[in-house]
Amino acid sequence: MTLLALNKPAIRAILYYIESQPEVWDQRWFAPIGERDGMCLAGIACHLAGLDVHRLYNDGGHAAIYNRAKKLLGLTEYQASRLFYWFYGTNPSALREEIAFVTGWAVDAD
């Protein structure tokens, strides 16, 4: 079994992106559609990596976004499930705590 290396710079960038403009984060939606502005954590990960989130969705649904974000961030299946599906917080501070809990890494530690 190959362990993935946690992509700390990408996770840090996503968290800072959300903290600087919390309105972009809405864990209920994978991407902005119509009047909705926010997108989920996996959608933001793909967006910040320069990927077209709508195209990913059209090509493979939510699973395509989930799998791509999981790979981009170097998350295990458990970590990705916790952060992308189980976490429904709306507070960036709570997200920061959840990232630390799930990954064992405090975002500003190194």
Protein backbone atom coordinates (compact mmCIF):
# COMPACT_ATOMS: atom_id res chain seq x y z
CA MET A 1 0.00 0.00 0.00
CA THR A 2 1.35 3.43 -0.96
CA LEU A 3 0.70 6.25 1.45
CA LEU A 4 -0.01 9.63 -0.07
CA ALA A 5 1.91 12.66 1.10
CA LEU A 6 -0.42 15.26 2.54
CA ASN A 7 -0.31 18.30 0.26
CA LYS A 8 0.08 20.84 3.06
CA PRO A 9 0.61 23.89 0.79
CA ALA A 10 -2.63 23.17 -1.09
CA ILE A 11 -4.62 22.57 2.10
CA ARG A 12 -3.20 25.76 3.61
CA ALA A 13 -4.10 27.72 0.43
CA ILE A 14 -7.67 26.41 0.49
CA LEU A 15 -8.13 27.29 4.14
CA TYR A 16 -6.69 30.79 3.68
CA TYR A 17 -8.90 31.24 0.59
CA ILE A 18 -11.98 30.31 2.63
CA GLU A 19 -10.96 32.42 5.63
CA SER A 20 -10.37 35.49 3.47
CA GLN A 21 -13.74 35.21 1.74
CA PRO A 22 -16.05 32.80 3.63
CA GLU A 23 -18.90 33.40 1.20
CA VAL A 24 -17.12 31.25 -1.41
CA TRP A 25 -17.49 28.16 0.78
CA ASP A 26 -20.77 26.27 0.93
CA GLN A 27 -20.38 22.62 1.81
CA ARG A 28 -23.80 21.80 0.29
CA TRP A 29 -22.80 22.47 -3.34
CA PHE A 30 -19.90 21.27 -5.45
CA ALA A 31 -19.76 24.48 -7.48
CA PRO A 32 -21.58 27.77 -8.07
CA ILE A 33 -24.71 27.36 -10.18
CA GLY A 34 -27.24 30.07 -10.88
CA GLU A 35 -27.70 32.28 -7.84
CA ARG A 36 -25.54 30.12 -5.54
CA ASP A 37 -22.07 31.52 -5.03
CA GLY A 38 -20.37 29.00 -2.78
CA MET A 39 -18.78 25.68 -3.47
CA CYS A 40 -17.71 22.76 -1.30
CA LEU A 41 -14.23 22.06 -0.05
CA ALA A 42 -13.54 19.50 -2.81
CA GLY A 43 -14.83 21.94 -5.43
CA ILE A 44 -12.59 24.70 -4.08
CA ALA A 45 -9.59 22.34 -4.12
CA CYS A 46 -10.20 21.58 -7.80
CA HIS A 47 -10.93 25.23 -8.63
CA LEU A 48 -7.72 26.49 -6.99
CA ALA A 49 -5.77 23.80 -8.87
CA GLY A 50 -7.01 25.42 -12.10
CA LEU A 51 -9.53 22.72 -12.98
CA ASP A 52 -12.95 23.39 -14.46
CA VAL A 53 -15.27 22.12 -11.73
CA HIS A 54 -18.34 22.10 -13.98
CA ARG A 55 -16.52 20.03 -16.61
CA LEU A 56 -15.34 17.58 -13.96
CA TYR A 57 -18.91 17.23 -12.76
CA ASN A 58 -20.24 16.76 -16.29
CA ASP A 59 -17.61 14.09 -16.96
CA GLY A 60 -18.07 12.09 -13.77
CA GLY A 61 -20.43 13.67 -11.27
CA HIS A 62 -19.63 14.33 -7.65
CA ALA A 63 -17.31 11.31 -7.57
CA ALA A 64 -15.01 12.93 -10.14
CA ILE A 65 -14.66 16.07 -8.01
CA TYR A 66 -14.23 14.05 -4.81
CA ASN A 67 -11.58 11.77 -6.32
CA ARG A 68 -9.64 14.58 -7.97
CA ALA A 69 -9.64 16.70 -4.80
CA LYS A 70 -8.63 13.69 -2.70
CA LYS A 71 -5.65 13.08 -4.99
CA LEU A 72 -4.70 16.77 -5.21
CA LEU A 73 -4.64 17.08 -1.42
CA GLY A 74 -2.99 13.74 -0.74
CA LEU A 75 -5.83 12.57 1.48
CA THR A 76 -6.68 9.03 2.45
CA GLU A 77 -10.21 7.77 1.80
CA TYR A 78 -11.07 8.33 5.46
CA GLN A 79 -9.67 11.88 5.50
CA ALA A 80 -11.45 12.81 2.27
CA SER A 81 -14.75 11.37 3.51
CA ARG A 82 -14.48 13.29 6.77
CA LEU A 83 -13.64 16.60 5.11
CA PHE A 84 -15.78 16.38 1.97
CA TYR A 85 -18.88 14.47 3.13
CA TRP A 86 -19.13 14.37 6.91
CA PHE A 87 -18.20 17.96 7.72
CA TYR A 88 -21.08 20.42 7.35
CA GLY A 89 -19.73 23.33 9.31
CA THR A 90 -20.07 26.87 8.13
CA ASN A 91 -17.35 28.41 10.24
CA PRO A 92 -13.80 28.53 8.82
CA SER A 93 -12.40 28.15 12.36
CA ALA A 94 -14.31 24.89 12.73
CA LEU A 95 -12.92 23.76 9.37
CA ARG A 96 -9.40 24.54 10.56
CA GLU A 97 -10.03 22.37 13.65
CA GLU A 98 -11.50 19.56 11.55
CA ILE A 99 -8.48 19.58 9.23
CA ALA A 100 -6.20 19.31 12.26
CA PHE A 101 -8.28 16.48 13.72
CA VAL A 102 -8.54 14.49 10.49
CA THR A 103 -4.97 14.92 9.28
CA GLY A 104 -3.11 15.26 12.59
CA TRP A 105 -1.56 18.46 11.24
CA ALA A 106 -2.15 21.99 12.50
CA VAL A 107 -2.28 24.20 9.41
CA ASP A 108 0.06 26.88 10.73
CA ALA A 109 2.44 24.48 12.47
CA ASP A 110 4.98 24.32 9.65
